[in-house]
C-alpha atoms as a PDB file:
ATOM      1  CA  UNK A   1      78.917 -46.991  44.023  1.00  0.00           C
ATOM      2  CA  UNK A   2      76.155 -44.277  44.002  1.00  0.00           C
ATOM      3  CA  UNK A   3      74.343 -45.201  40.756  1.00  0.00           C
ATOM      4  CA  UNK A   4      73.556 -43.452  38.011  1.00  0.00           C
ATOM      5  CA  UNK A   5      69.558 -42.587  36.889  1.00  0.00           C
ATOM      6  CA  UNK A   6      68.065 -43.344  33.988  1.00  0.00           C
ATOM      7  CA  UNK A   7      64.824 -41.462  32.502  1.00  0.00           C
ATOM      8  CA  UNK A   8      62.245 -43.600  31.088  1.00  0.00           C
ATOM      9  CA  UNK A   9      60.038 -41.313  29.038  1.00  0.00           C
ATOM     10  CA  UNK A  10      56.999 -43.783  27.915  1.00  0.00           C
ATOM     11  CA  UNK A  11      53.273 -42.694  27.994  1.00  0.00           C
ATOM     12  CA  UNK A  12      51.864 -46.321  28.038  1.00  0.00           C
ATOM     13  CA  UNK A  13      52.276 -47.278  31.645  1.00  0.00           C
ATOM     14  CA  UNK A  14      53.183 -51.328  30.844  1.00  0.00           C
ATOM     15  CA  UNK A  15      56.241 -50.392  29.245  1.00  0.00           C
ATOM     16  CA  UNK A  16      57.770 -47.774  32.067  1.00  0.00           C
ATOM     17  CA  UNK A  17      57.188 -50.489  34.464  1.00  0.00           C
ATOM     18  CA  UNK A  18      58.371 -53.364  32.313  1.00  0.00           C
ATOM     19  CA  UNK A  19      61.830 -50.759  31.584  1.00  0.00           C
ATOM     20  CA  UNK A  20      61.709 -49.969  35.039  1.00  0.00           C
ATOM     21  CA  UNK A  21      61.912 -53.319  36.196  1.00  0.00           C
ATOM     22  CA  UNK A  22      64.719 -54.750  34.089  1.00  0.00           C
ATOM     23  CA  UNK A  23      66.917 -52.223  35.289  1.00  0.00           C
ATOM     24  CA  UNK A  24      65.830 -51.182  38.984  1.00  0.00           C
ATOM     25  CA  UNK A  25      68.652 -52.702  40.806  1.00  0.00           C
ATOM     26  CA  UNK A  26      71.187 -51.087  38.330  1.00  0.00           C
ATOM     27  CA  UNK A  27      70.387 -47.941  38.073  1.00  0.00           C
ATOM     28  CA  UNK A  28      67.702 -44.622  39.767  1.00  0.00           C
ATOM     29  CA  UNK A  29      64.711 -44.294  37.383  1.00  0.00           C
ATOM     30  CA  UNK A  30      63.125 -41.810  36.679  1.00  0.00           C
ATOM     31  CA  UNK A  31      59.860 -42.083  34.591  1.00  0.00           C
ATOM     32  CA  UNK A  32      58.108 -39.250  32.894  1.00  0.00           C
ATOM     33  CA  UNK A  33      54.573 -40.201  30.710  1.00  0.00           C
ATOM     34  CA  UNK A  34      54.911 -37.810  28.100  1.00  0.00           C
ATOM     35  CA  UNK A  35      57.786 -35.366  26.277  1.00  0.00           C
ATOM     36  CA  UNK A  36      57.180 -32.409  28.042  1.00  0.00           C
ATOM     37  CA  UNK A  37      56.725 -33.653  31.775  1.00  0.00           C
ATOM     38  CA  UNK A  38      60.577 -36.210  30.535  1.00  0.00           C
ATOM     39  CA  UNK A  39      61.638 -31.718  29.267  1.00  0.00           C
ATOM     40  CA  UNK A  40      60.705 -30.927  32.996  1.00  0.00           C
ATOM     41  CA  UNK A  41      62.491 -33.688  34.484  1.00  0.00           C
ATOM     42  CA  UNK A  42      66.098 -33.146  32.228  1.00  0.00           C
ATOM     43  CA  UNK A  43      65.782 -29.558  32.832  1.00  0.00           C
ATOM     44  CA  UNK A  44      65.863 -30.388  36.742  1.00  0.00           C
ATOM     45  CA  UNK A  45      68.392 -33.048  36.790  1.00  0.00           C
ATOM     46  CA  UNK A  46      72.045 -32.863  35.890  1.00  0.00           C
ATOM     47  CA  UNK A  47      72.929 -36.505  36.397  1.00  0.00           C
ATOM     48  CA  UNK A  48      70.860 -38.155  34.126  1.00  0.00           C
ATOM     49  CA  UNK A  49      73.034 -40.728  32.491  1.00  0.00           C
ATOM     50  CA  UNK A  50      70.281 -41.499  29.835  1.00  0.00           C
ATOM     51  CA  UNK A  51      67.329 -41.636  28.275  1.00  0.00           C
ATOM     52  CA  UNK A  52      65.047 -44.323  27.460  1.00  0.00           C
ATOM     53  CA  UNK A  53      62.755 -42.239  24.474  1.00  0.00           C
ATOM     54  CA  UNK A  54      59.107 -43.496  23.360  1.00  0.00           C
ATOM     55  CA  UNK A  55      58.938 -42.081  19.505  1.00  0.00           C
ATOM     56  CA  UNK A  56      55.016 -42.414  19.533  1.00  0.00           C
ATOM     57  CA  UNK A  57      53.535 -39.939  22.296  1.00  0.00           C
ATOM     58  CA  UNK A  58      50.903 -37.324  22.123  1.00  0.00           C
ATOM     59  CA  UNK A  59      51.831 -33.848  23.220  1.00  0.00           C
ATOM     60  CA  UNK A  60      55.367 -33.152  21.901  1.00  0.00           C
ATOM     61  CA  UNK A  61      56.800 -36.500  21.079  1.00  0.00           C
ATOM     62  CA  UNK A  62      60.411 -38.520  21.122  1.00  0.00           C
ATOM     63  CA  UNK A  63      61.220 -36.600  18.298  1.00  0.00           C
ATOM     64  CA  UNK A  64      60.259 -33.385  20.040  1.00  0.00           C
ATOM     65  CA  UNK A  65      62.386 -33.783  23.304  1.00  0.00           C
ATOM     66  CA  UNK A  66      65.140 -34.525  20.613  1.00  0.00           C
ATOM     67  CA  UNK A  67      65.043 -31.548  19.276  1.00  0.00           C
ATOM     68  CA  UNK A  68      65.041 -29.561  22.828  1.00  0.00           C
ATOM     69  CA  UNK A  69      68.001 -32.139  23.091  1.00  0.00           C
ATOM     70  CA  UNK A  70      69.970 -30.730  20.122  1.00  0.00           C
ATOM     71  CA  UNK A  71      68.678 -26.814  21.582  1.00  0.00           C
ATOM     72  CA  UNK A  72      69.893 -26.978  25.144  1.00  0.00           C
ATOM     73  CA  UNK A  73      73.473 -29.363  24.464  1.00  0.00           C
ATOM     74  CA  UNK A  74      71.919 -32.490  26.757  1.00  0.00           C
ATOM     75  CA  UNK A  75      72.514 -34.830  23.373  1.00  0.00           C
ATOM     76  CA  UNK A  76      75.824 -34.160  23.368  1.00  0.00           C
ATOM     77  CA  UNK A  77      76.156 -35.625  27.118  1.00  0.00           C
ATOM     78  CA  UNK A  78      73.274 -38.107  28.070  1.00  0.00           C
ATOM     79  CA  UNK A  79      73.303 -40.684  25.139  1.00  0.00           C
ATOM     80  CA  UNK A  80      69.328 -41.323  24.141  1.00  0.00           C
ATOM     81  CA  UNK A  81      68.402 -44.693  23.450  1.00  0.00           C
ATOM     82  CA  UNK A  82      64.329 -44.798  21.253  1.00  0.00           C
ATOM     83  CA  UNK A  83      61.863 -47.191  22.432  1.00  0.00           C
ATOM     84  CA  UNK A  84      59.575 -48.252  19.497  1.00  0.00           C
ATOM     85  CA  UNK A  85      57.742 -51.153  17.843  1.00  0.00           C
ATOM     86  CA  UNK A  86      57.801 -48.290  14.405  1.00  0.00           C
ATOM     87  CA  UNK A  87      59.319 -49.595  11.564  1.00  0.00           C
ATOM     88  CA  UNK A  88      58.739 -46.083   9.462  1.00  0.00           C
ATOM     89  CA  UNK A  89      62.230 -45.643   8.212  1.00  0.00           C
ATOM     90  CA  UNK A  90      62.630 -42.093   8.132  1.00  0.00           C
ATOM     91  CA  UNK A  91      60.693 -41.312  11.319  1.00  0.00           C
ATOM     92  CA  UNK A  92      64.097 -43.442  12.659  1.00  0.00           C
ATOM     93  CA  UNK A  93      66.514 -41.664  10.523  1.00  0.00           C
ATOM     94  CA  UNK A  94      65.495 -38.621  11.628  1.00  0.00           C
ATOM     95  CA  UNK A  95      65.947 -39.492  15.311  1.00  0.00           C
ATOM     96  CA  UNK A  96      69.809 -40.495  14.284  1.00  0.00           C
ATOM     97  CA  UNK A  97      70.147 -37.201  12.630  1.00  0.00           C
ATOM     98  CA  UNK A  98      68.787 -35.881  16.062  1.00  0.00           C
ATOM     99  CA  UNK A  99      71.283 -37.267  17.930  1.00  0.00           C
ATOM    100  CA  UNK A 100      69.823 -40.817  18.861  1.00  0.00           C
ATOM    101  CA  UNK A 101      72.557 -43.401  19.316  1.00  0.00           C
ATOM    102  CA  UNK A 102      69.994 -47.027  19.037  1.00  0.00           C
ATOM    103  CA  UNK A 103      67.272 -48.542  18.933  1.00  0.00           C
ATOM    104  CA  UNK A 104      65.428 -50.716  21.808  1.00  0.00           C
ATOM    105  CA  UNK A 105      62.438 -52.378  19.863  1.00  0.00           C
ATOM    106  CA  UNK A 106      59.377 -54.065  21.726  1.00  0.00           C
ATOM    107  CA  UNK A 107      59.001 -56.807  22.997  1.00  0.00           C
ATOM    108  CA  UNK A 108      62.433 -55.603  25.842  1.00  0.00           C
ATOM    109  CA  UNK A 109      65.115 -58.584  26.148  1.00  0.00           C
ATOM    110  CA  UNK A 110      65.990 -57.666  29.329  1.00  0.00           C
ATOM    111  CA  UNK A 111      70.074 -59.617  29.446  1.00  0.00           C
ATOM    112  CA  UNK A 112      70.449 -57.809  26.210  1.00  0.00           C
ATOM    113  CA  UNK A 113      69.263 -54.231  26.964  1.00  0.00           C
ATOM    114  CA  UNK A 114      71.493 -54.685  30.044  1.00  0.00           C
ATOM    115  CA  UNK A 115      74.926 -54.879  28.485  1.00  0.00           C
ATOM    116  CA  UNK A 116      73.646 -52.572  25.876  1.00  0.00           C
ATOM    117  CA  UNK A 117      73.156 -49.984  28.131  1.00  0.00           C
ATOM    118  CA  UNK A 118      75.440 -50.384  30.488  1.00  0.00           C
ATOM    119  CA  UNK A 119      78.724 -49.816  27.131  1.00  0.00           C
ATOM    120  CA  UNK A 120      76.910 -46.876  25.507  1.00  0.00           C
ATOM    121  CA  UNK A 121      76.579 -45.242  29.175  1.00  0.00           C
ATOM    122  CA  UNK A 122      80.155 -46.416  30.150  1.00  0.00           C
ATOM    123  CA  UNK A 123      81.481 -44.381  26.729  1.00  0.00           C
ATOM    124  CA  UNK A 124      80.098 -41.524  27.643  1.00  0.00           C
ATOM    125  CA  UNK A 125      80.425 -41.610  31.085  1.00  0.00           C
ATOM    126  CA  UNK A 126      84.310 -41.928  29.562  1.00  0.00           C
ATOM    127  CA  UNK A 127      83.682 -39.161  27.132  1.00  0.00           C
ATOM    128  CA  UNK A 128      82.204 -36.409  29.498  1.00  0.00           C
ATOM    129  CA  UNK A 129      85.054 -37.282  31.638  1.00  0.00           C
ATOM    130  CA  UNK A 130      87.924 -35.979  29.265  1.00  0.00           C
ATOM    131  CA  UNK A 131      85.977 -33.240  28.210  1.00  0.00           C
ATOM    132  CA  UNK A 132      85.488 -32.374  31.822  1.00  0.00           C
ATOM    133  CA  UNK A 133      89.947 -32.753  31.940  1.00  0.00           C
ATOM    134  CA  UNK A 134      90.660 -30.561  28.371  1.00  0.00           C
ATOM    135  CA  UNK A 135      88.173 -28.222  29.738  1.00  0.00           C
ATOM    136  CA  UNK A 136      90.548 -27.683  32.712  1.00  0.00           C
ATOM    137  CA  UNK A 137      93.683 -27.749  31.244  1.00  0.00           C
ATOM    138  CA  UNK A 138      92.675 -25.294  28.772  1.00  0.00           C
ATOM    139  CA  UNK A 139      91.918 -23.426  31.882  1.00  0.00           C
ATOM    140  CA  UNK A 140      95.286 -23.469  33.167  1.00  0.00           C
ATOM    141  CA  UNK A 141      96.963 -23.188  30.290  1.00  0.00           C
ATOM    142  CA  UNK A 142      94.654 -19.983  29.818  1.00  0.00           C
ATOM    143  CA  UNK A 143      96.259 -18.743  33.239  1.00  0.00           C
ATOM    144  CA  UNK A 144      99.706 -20.118  32.274  1.00  0.00           C
ATOM    145  CA  UNK A 145      98.630 -17.549  28.805  1.00  0.00           C
ATOM    146  CA  UNK A 146      98.533 -14.718  31.753  1.00  0.00           C
ATOM    147  CA  UNK A 147     100.886 -15.148  33.240  1.00  0.00           C
ATOM    148  CA  UNK A 148     103.736 -15.777  31.306  1.00  0.00           C
ATOM    149  CA  UNK A 149     101.974 -11.897  29.403  1.00  0.00           C
ATOM    150  CA  UNK A 150     101.559 -10.294  32.269  1.00  0.00           C
ATOM    151  CA  UNK A 151     105.620 -11.141  33.401  1.00  0.00           C
ATOM    152  CA  UNK A 152     107.232  -9.691  30.105  1.00  0.00           C
ATOM    153  CA  UNK A 153     104.619  -6.168  30.252  1.00  0.00           C
ATOM    154  CA  UNK A 154     105.872  -5.945  33.452  1.00  0.00           C
ATOM    155  CA  UNK A 155     109.441  -6.433  31.721  1.00  0.00           C
ATOM    156  CA  UNK A 156     108.401  -3.666  29.400  1.00  0.00           C
ATOM    157  CA  UNK A 157     107.082  -1.467  31.977  1.00  0.00           C
ATOM    158  CA  UNK A 158     110.664  -1.762  34.233  1.00  0.00           C
ATOM    159  CA  UNK A 159     112.272  -1.015  30.979  1.00  0.00           C
ATOM    160  CA  UNK A 160     110.400   2.037  29.121  1.00  0.00           C
ATOM    161  CA  UNK A 161     109.211   4.348  32.640  1.00  0.00           C
ATOM    162  CA  UNK A 162     106.358   5.526  29.664  1.00  0.00           C
ATOM    163  CA  UNK A 163     104.752   2.609  28.915  1.00  0.00           C
ATOM    164  CA  UNK A 164     103.320   1.015  31.974  1.00  0.00           C
ATOM    165  CA  UNK A 165     100.146   2.626  31.458  1.00  0.00           C
ATOM    166  CA  UNK A 166     100.074   1.925  27.757  1.00  0.00           C
ATOM    167  CA  UNK A 167     100.640  -1.662  27.246  1.00  0.00           C
ATOM    168  CA  UNK A 168      97.510  -2.145  30.321  1.00  0.00           C
ATOM    169  CA  UNK A 169      95.243   0.001  28.516  1.00  0.00           C
ATOM    170  CA  UNK A 170      96.333  -1.185  24.964  1.00  0.00           C
ATOM    171  CA  UNK A 171      94.950  -4.962  25.633  1.00  0.00           C
ATOM    172  CA  UNK A 172      91.506  -2.740  26.393  1.00  0.00           C
ATOM    173  CA  UNK A 173      91.675  -0.167  23.971  1.00  0.00           C
ATOM    174  CA  UNK A 174      92.676  -3.704  20.877  1.00  0.00           C
ATOM    175  CA  UNK A 175      89.921  -5.481  22.763  1.00  0.00           C
ATOM    176  CA  UNK A 176      87.239  -2.673  22.353  1.00  0.00           C
ATOM    177  CA  UNK A 177      87.827  -1.504  18.670  1.00  0.00           C
ATOM    178  CA  UNK A 178      88.715  -5.128  17.974  1.00  0.00           C
ATOM    179  CA  UNK A 179      84.582  -5.801  19.285  1.00  0.00           C
ATOM    180  CA  UNK A 180      83.539  -2.936  17.388  1.00  0.00           C
ATOM    181  CA  UNK A 181      85.229  -3.515  14.038  1.00  0.00           C
ATOM    182  CA  UNK A 182      83.529  -7.077  14.370  1.00  0.00           C
ATOM    183  CA  UNK A 183      80.215  -6.192  14.722  1.00  0.00           C
ATOM    184  CA  UNK A 184      80.039  -3.598  12.163  1.00  0.00           C
ATOM    185  CA  UNK A 185      82.149  -4.990   9.736  1.00  0.00           C
ATOM    186  CA  UNK A 186      80.834  -8.658   8.658  1.00  0.00           C
ATOM    187  CA  UNK A 187      84.264  -9.377   6.716  1.00  0.00           C
ATOM    188  CA  UNK A 188      86.155  -8.843   9.424  1.00  0.00           C
ATOM    189  CA  UNK A 189      84.087 -10.397  12.092  1.00  0.00           C
ATOM    190  CA  UNK A 190      86.023 -12.834  14.803  1.00  0.00           C
ATOM    191  CA  UNK A 191      84.265 -14.869  17.690  1.00  0.00           C
ATOM    192  CA  UNK A 192      84.293 -13.141  21.067  1.00  0.00           C
ATOM    193  CA  UNK A 193      86.893 -15.442  22.375  1.00  0.00           C
ATOM    194  CA  UNK A 194      89.040 -14.842  19.295  1.00  0.00           C
ATOM    195  CA  UNK A 195      88.854 -11.222  20.280  1.00  0.00           C
ATOM    196  CA  UNK A 196      89.215 -11.548  23.877  1.00  0.00           C
ATOM    197  CA  UNK A 197      92.848 -13.089  22.726  1.00  0.00           C
ATOM    198  CA  UNK A 198      94.041 -10.088  20.431  1.00  0.00           C
ATOM    199  CA  UNK A 199      93.237  -7.762  23.550  1.00  0.00           C
ATOM    200  CA  UNK A 200      95.455  -9.998  25.825  1.00  0.00           C
ATOM    201  CA  UNK A 201      98.263  -9.869  22.909  1.00  0.00           C
ATOM    202  CA  UNK A 202      98.246  -6.435  22.672  1.00  0.00           C
ATOM    203  CA  UNK A 203      99.910  -6.122  25.494  1.00  0.00           C
ATOM    204  CA  UNK A 204     103.213  -7.462  24.007  1.00  0.00           C
ATOM    205  CA  UNK A 205     103.287  -4.819  20.952  1.00  0.00           C
ATOM    206  CA  UNK A 206     105.757  -3.191  22.136  1.00  0.00           C
ATOM    207  CA  UNK A 207     107.922  -5.835  23.448  1.00  0.00           C
ATOM    208  CA  UNK A 208     111.132  -5.268  21.235  1.00  0.00           C
ATOM    209  CA  UNK A 209     111.845  -2.161  23.193  1.00  0.00           C
ATOM    210  CA  UNK A 210     113.522  -4.002  25.538  1.00  0.00           C
ATOM    211  CA  UNK A 211     116.548  -4.054  23.206  1.00  0.00           C
ATOM    212  CA  UNK A 212     116.689  -0.501  22.569  1.00  0.00           C
ATOM    213  CA  UNK A 213     119.462   1.052  24.166  1.00  0.00           C
ATOM    214  CA  UNK A 214     117.696   3.907  27.189  1.00  0.00           C
ATOM    215  CA  UNK A 215     119.078   7.102  25.786  1.00  0.00           C
ATOM    216  CA  UNK A 216     116.799   6.592  22.436  1.00  0.00           C
ATOM    217  CA  UNK A 217     114.114   4.783  24.516  1.00  0.00           C
ATOM    218  CA  UNK A 218     113.946   7.171  26.852  1.00  0.00           C
ATOM    219  CA  UNK A 219     115.651  10.299  25.438  1.00  0.00           C
ATOM    220  CA  UNK A 220     112.985  13.442  26.059  1.00  0.00           C
ATOM    221  CA  UNK A 221     113.727  15.530  22.318  1.00  0.00           C
ATOM    222  CA  UNK A 222     112.992  14.270  19.542  1.00  0.00           C
ATOM    223  CA  UNK A 223     114.684  11.170  17.774  1.00  0.00           C
ATOM    224  CA  UNK A 224     117.366  12.017  14.704  1.00  0.00           C
ATOM    225  CA  UNK A 225     116.865   9.900  11.880  1.00  0.00           C
ATOM    226  CA  UNK A 226     119.422   7.189  12.478  1.00  0.00           C
ATOM    227  CA  UNK A 227     118.118   7.225  16.428  1.00  0.00           C
ATOM    228  CA  UNK A 228     114.297   6.410  14.366  1.00  0.00           C
ATOM    229  CA  UNK A 229     115.952   3.618  12.978  1.00  0.00           C
ATOM    230  CA  UNK A 230     116.960   2.117  15.149  1.00  0.00           C
ATOM    231  CA  UNK A 231     114.218   3.028  17.690  1.00  0.00           C
ATOM    232  CA  UNK A 232     112.534   1.128  14.653  1.00  0.00           C
ATOM    233  CA  UNK A 233     113.551  -2.713  15.068  1.00  0.00           C
ATOM    234  CA  UNK A 234     111.731  -2.857  18.862  1.00  0.00           C
ATOM    235  CA  UNK A 235     109.103  -4.822  15.653  1.00  0.00           C
ATOM    236  CA  UNK A 236     111.229  -7.162  14.908  1.00  0.00           C
ATOM    237  CA  UNK A 237     113.197  -7.016  17.946  1.00  0.00           C
ATOM    238  CA  UNK A 238     110.113  -8.368  19.943  1.00  0.00           C
ATOM    239  CA  UNK A 239     109.411 -10.725  17.345  1.00  0.00           C
ATOM    240  CA  UNK A 240     112.910 -12.311  17.857  1.00  0.00           C
ATOM    241  CA  UNK A 241     111.864 -12.481  22.018  1.00  0.00           C
ATOM    242  CA  UNK A 242     108.518 -13.932  21.159  1.00  0.00           C
ATOM    243  CA  UNK A 243     110.136 -16.792  19.093  1.00  0.00           C
ATOM    244  CA  UNK A 244     112.307 -18.340  22.275  1.00  0.00           C
ATOM    245  CA  UNK A 245     108.846 -18.293  24.181  1.00  0.00           C
ATOM    246  CA  UNK A 246     106.340 -20.162  21.625  1.00  0.00           C
ATOM    247  CA  UNK A 247     105.620 -22.499  24.075  1.00  0.00           C
ATOM    248  CA  UNK A 248     105.169 -20.890  27.290  1.00  0.00           C
ATOM    249  CA  UNK A 249     101.423 -19.573  25.560  1.00  0.00           C
ATOM    250  CA  UNK A 250      99.271 -21.538  23.015  1.00  0.00           C
ATOM    251  CA  UNK A 251      99.288 -21.191  19.344  1.00  0.00           C
ATOM    252  CA  UNK A 252      96.880 -18.559  18.540  1.00  0.00           C
ATOM    253  CA  UNK A 253      97.684 -15.586  21.379  1.00  0.00           C
ATOM    254  CA  UNK A 254     100.850 -16.906  20.044  1.00  0.00           C
ATOM    255  CA  UNK A 255     100.100 -15.817  16.579  1.00  0.00           C
ATOM    256  CA  UNK A 256      98.477 -12.768  17.365  1.00  0.00           C
ATOM    257  CA  UNK A 257     100.869 -11.248  19.917  1.00  0.00           C
ATOM    258  CA  UNK A 258     103.618 -12.283  17.023  1.00  0.00           C
ATOM    259  CA  UNK A 259     101.358 -10.387  13.958  1.00  0.00           C
ATOM    260  CA  UNK A 260     101.089  -7.749  16.458  1.00  0.00           C
ATOM    261  CA  UNK A 261     104.065  -7.211  17.626  1.00  0.00           C
ATOM    262  CA  UNK A 262     105.535  -7.633  13.990  1.00  0.00           C
ATOM    263  CA  UNK A 263     103.216  -4.830  12.493  1.00  0.00           C
ATOM    264  CA  UNK A 264     101.944  -2.622  14.833  1.00  0.00           C
ATOM    265  CA  UNK A 265     103.217   0.179  12.823  1.00  0.00           C
ATOM    266  CA  UNK A 266     102.553  -0.485   9.459  1.00  0.00           C
ATOM    267  CA  UNK A 267     100.094   1.685   7.385  1.00  0.00           C
ATOM    268  CA  UNK A 268      97.061   1.425   4.930  1.00  0.00           C
ATOM    269  CA  UNK A 269      98.843   3.499   2.250  1.00  0.00           C
ATOM    270  CA  UNK A 270     101.898   1.497   3.225  1.00  0.00           C
ATOM    271  CA  UNK A 271     103.885   4.094   4.390  1.00  0.00           C
ATOM    272  CA  UNK A 272     104.352   2.150   7.317  1.00  0.00           C
ATOM    273  CA  UNK A 273     107.515  -0.198   8.896  1.00  0.00           C
ATOM    274  CA  UNK A 274     109.119  -3.218   9.028  1.00  0.00           C
ATOM    275  CA  UNK A 275     107.819  -4.393   5.660  1.00  0.00           C
ATOM    276  CA  UNK A 276     105.499  -1.868   3.854  1.00  0.00           C
ATOM    277  CA  UNK A 277     102.185  -3.539   4.132  1.00  0.00           C
ATOM    278  CA  UNK A 278      99.470  -1.692   1.916  1.00  0.00           C
ATOM    279  CA  UNK A 279      95.507  -2.373   2.998  1.00  0.00           C
ATOM    280  CA  UNK A 280      94.591  -5.854   4.187  1.00  0.00           C
ATOM    281  CA  UNK A 281      98.129  -7.187   3.907  1.00  0.00           C
ATOM    282  CA  UNK A 282      98.477  -6.265   7.123  1.00  0.00           C
ATOM    283  CA  UNK A 283      95.573  -8.648   9.837  1.00  0.00           C
ATOM    284  CA  UNK A 284      92.502  -6.455  11.215  1.00  0.00           C
ATOM    285  CA  UNK A 285      93.525  -7.327  13.948  1.00  0.00           C
ATOM    286  CA  UNK A 286      97.636  -5.501  13.198  1.00  0.00           C
ATOM    287  CA  UNK A 287      95.464  -2.682  11.612  1.00  0.00           C
ATOM    288  CA  UNK A 288      93.884  -2.851  15.699  1.00  0.00           C
ATOM    289  CA  UNK A 289      96.331  -2.678  17.389  1.00  0.00           C
ATOM    290  CA  UNK A 290      97.868   0.123  15.506  1.00  0.00           C
ATOM    291  CA  UNK A 291      95.094   3.000  16.184  1.00  0.00           C
ATOM    292  CA  UNK A 292      95.404   2.294  19.455  1.00  0.00           C
ATOM    293  CA  UNK A 293      98.946   2.288  19.900  1.00  0.00           C
ATOM    294  CA  UNK A 294      98.798   5.835  18.260  1.00  0.00           C
ATOM    295  CA  UNK A 295      95.233   7.108  20.180  1.00  0.00           C
ATOM    296  CA  UNK A 296      96.812   6.214  23.754  1.00  0.00           C
ATOM    297  CA  UNK A 297      99.787   7.941  22.253  1.00  0.00           C
ATOM    298  CA  UNK A 298      98.802  11.206  22.147  1.00  0.00           C
ATOM    299  CA  UNK A 299      96.175  10.959  24.848  1.00  0.00           C
ATOM    300  CA  UNK A 300      99.069  10.312  27.374  1.00  0.00           C
ATOM    301  CA  UNK A 301     101.414  12.630  28.879  1.00  0.00           C
ATOM    302  CA  UNK A 302     105.084  11.498  26.569  1.00  0.00           C
ATOM    303  CA  UNK A 303     108.616  12.923  27.612  1.00  0.00           C
ATOM    304  CA  UNK A 304     108.486  14.913  25.170  1.00  0.00           C
ATOM    305  CA  UNK A 305     104.706  16.281  25.097  1.00  0.00           C
ATOM    306  CA  UNK A 306     101.396  16.654  27.436  1.00  0.00           C
ATOM    307  CA  UNK A 307      98.584  14.501  26.243  1.00  0.00           C
ATOM    308  CA  UNK A 308      96.198  15.791  23.613  1.00  0.00           C
ATOM    309  CA  UNK A 309      92.388  15.574  24.502  1.00  0.00           C
ATOM    310  CA  UNK A 310      90.270  13.004  22.926  1.00  0.00           C
ATOM    311  CA  UNK A 311      88.629  15.628  20.469  1.00  0.00           C
ATOM    312  CA  UNK A 312      92.376  16.612  19.708  1.00  0.00           C
ATOM    313  CA  UNK A 313      93.675  13.740  19.364  1.00  0.00           C
ATOM    314  CA  UNK A 314      91.338  11.927  17.460  1.00  0.00           C
ATOM    315  CA  UNK A 315      91.547  15.162  14.585  1.00  0.00           C
ATOM    316  CA  UNK A 316      94.888  14.501  15.002  1.00  0.00           C
ATOM    317  CA  UNK A 317      93.637  10.946  13.302  1.00  0.00           C
ATOM    318  CA  UNK A 318      91.453  11.146  11.105  1.00  0.00           C
ATOM    319  CA  UNK A 319      93.555  14.181   9.172  1.00  0.00           C
ATOM    320  CA  UNK A 320      96.104  11.341   9.061  1.00  0.00           C
ATOM    321  CA  UNK A 321      98.937  13.464  10.887  1.00  0.00           C
ATOM    322  CA  UNK A 322      99.907   9.966  12.337  1.00  0.00           C
ATOM    323  CA  UNK A 323      99.521   8.279   9.299  1.00  0.00           C
ATOM    324  CA  UNK A 324      96.560   6.308   7.711  1.00  0.00           C
ATOM    325  CA  UNK A 325      94.543   3.915   8.575  1.00  0.00           C
ATOM    326  CA  UNK A 326      92.145   1.574   7.255  1.00  0.00           C
ATOM    327  CA  UNK A 327      88.545   3.621   6.488  1.00  0.00           C
ATOM    328  CA  UNK A 328      86.320   0.430   8.270  1.00  0.00           C
ATOM    329  CA  UNK A 329      88.883   0.834  11.751  1.00  0.00           C
ATOM    330  CA  UNK A 330      88.359   3.953  11.608  1.00  0.00           C
ATOM    331  CA  UNK A 331      84.627   4.360  11.471  1.00  0.00           C
ATOM    332  CA  UNK A 332      84.382   1.996  14.392  1.00  0.00           C
ATOM    333  CA  UNK A 333      86.958   4.055  16.557  1.00  0.00           C
ATOM    334  CA  UNK A 334      84.385   7.149  16.302  1.00  0.00           C
ATOM    335  CA  UNK A 335      81.208   4.672  16.923  1.00  0.00           C
ATOM    336  CA  UNK A 336      83.103   3.681  19.893  1.00  0.00           C
ATOM    337  CA  UNK A 337      83.456   6.866  21.372  1.00  0.00           C
ATOM    338  CA  UNK A 338      81.604   6.710  24.588  1.00  0.00           C
ATOM    339  CA  UNK A 339      83.286   3.586  25.502  1.00  0.00           C
ATOM    340  CA  UNK A 340      86.693   4.922  24.855  1.00  0.00           C
ATOM    341  CA  UNK A 341      85.901   7.898  26.920  1.00  0.00           C
ATOM    342  CA  UNK A 342      84.420   5.244  29.288  1.00  0.00           C
ATOM    343  CA  UNK A 343      87.582   3.364  29.701  1.00  0.00           C
ATOM    344  CA  UNK A 344      89.839   6.618  30.775  1.00  0.00           C
ATOM    345  CA  UNK A 345      88.413   7.802  32.933  1.00  0.00           C
ATOM    346  CA  UNK A 346      88.607   4.359  34.997  1.00  0.00           C
ATOM    347  CA  UNK A 347      91.673   3.802  33.464  1.00  0.00           C
END
């Protein structure tokens, strides 16, 4: 079995020699005479299983090493044992707060020391292996999510001859606008991984159109009042479809997909559908998807109209010709003009 590696950090050579002698049969040994050398070794070596760290050293001391390991994240994966004869309670407490797991007091007792360090190294190895397995499972789940969503998007494209390119552009445009809103308005800020999920979820905003009869869905002229009422049901019909597949995507993606599907036709003034929500009663991601949906519809060829230019479409949205939208979302939309134009040029 391949040996694990221990890094011994102490400015006193005899201390390093004693510890190296204790562990040489079970571990590969690396030595550092100070904090600077220890950090250099750790930066170039991902195989270190434990660090035996003296607290009191010239230059970068033990606390300095611990602080650096917190910055780099190594403290979460590599256990640190303090080597010290000091009994400074405050110093030891600070070291524990920085992530040290145990204290090795001088003089060293080899038998007890070996068992204590082996147990902690085994625990960390198990934890790191478990985290790696979880990360792999998350990656696989994300692939399943994308596959399910892509399959549903393809179904929408097959069902509605107009929405094929629309559903794909909706994903990118919603992601782009959500980023702009998040950056400009702290009250709407979301982490980048959540914005990625929102962009992916927007693909399913029109999944309910699968249930709309062909004569209405692909009618070349204006819908009658009765036909429009049927068309409006695609929001709730889409949610009924999504309710049948909640276990096929992760919870976050399901929640975003469901919310956007139901509420991407709500309006800031409460005159949207299906629930007549007012202002921020509609989630910010559904508000963003609503603007993206209207903009793409205006700038794309449809059975009943030709595409409008970016400037004309923007002015129609600002004039309220397509309903009322959150002024902050519109501000972010205007601010992202160049990115939006670049996106459409590439699509």
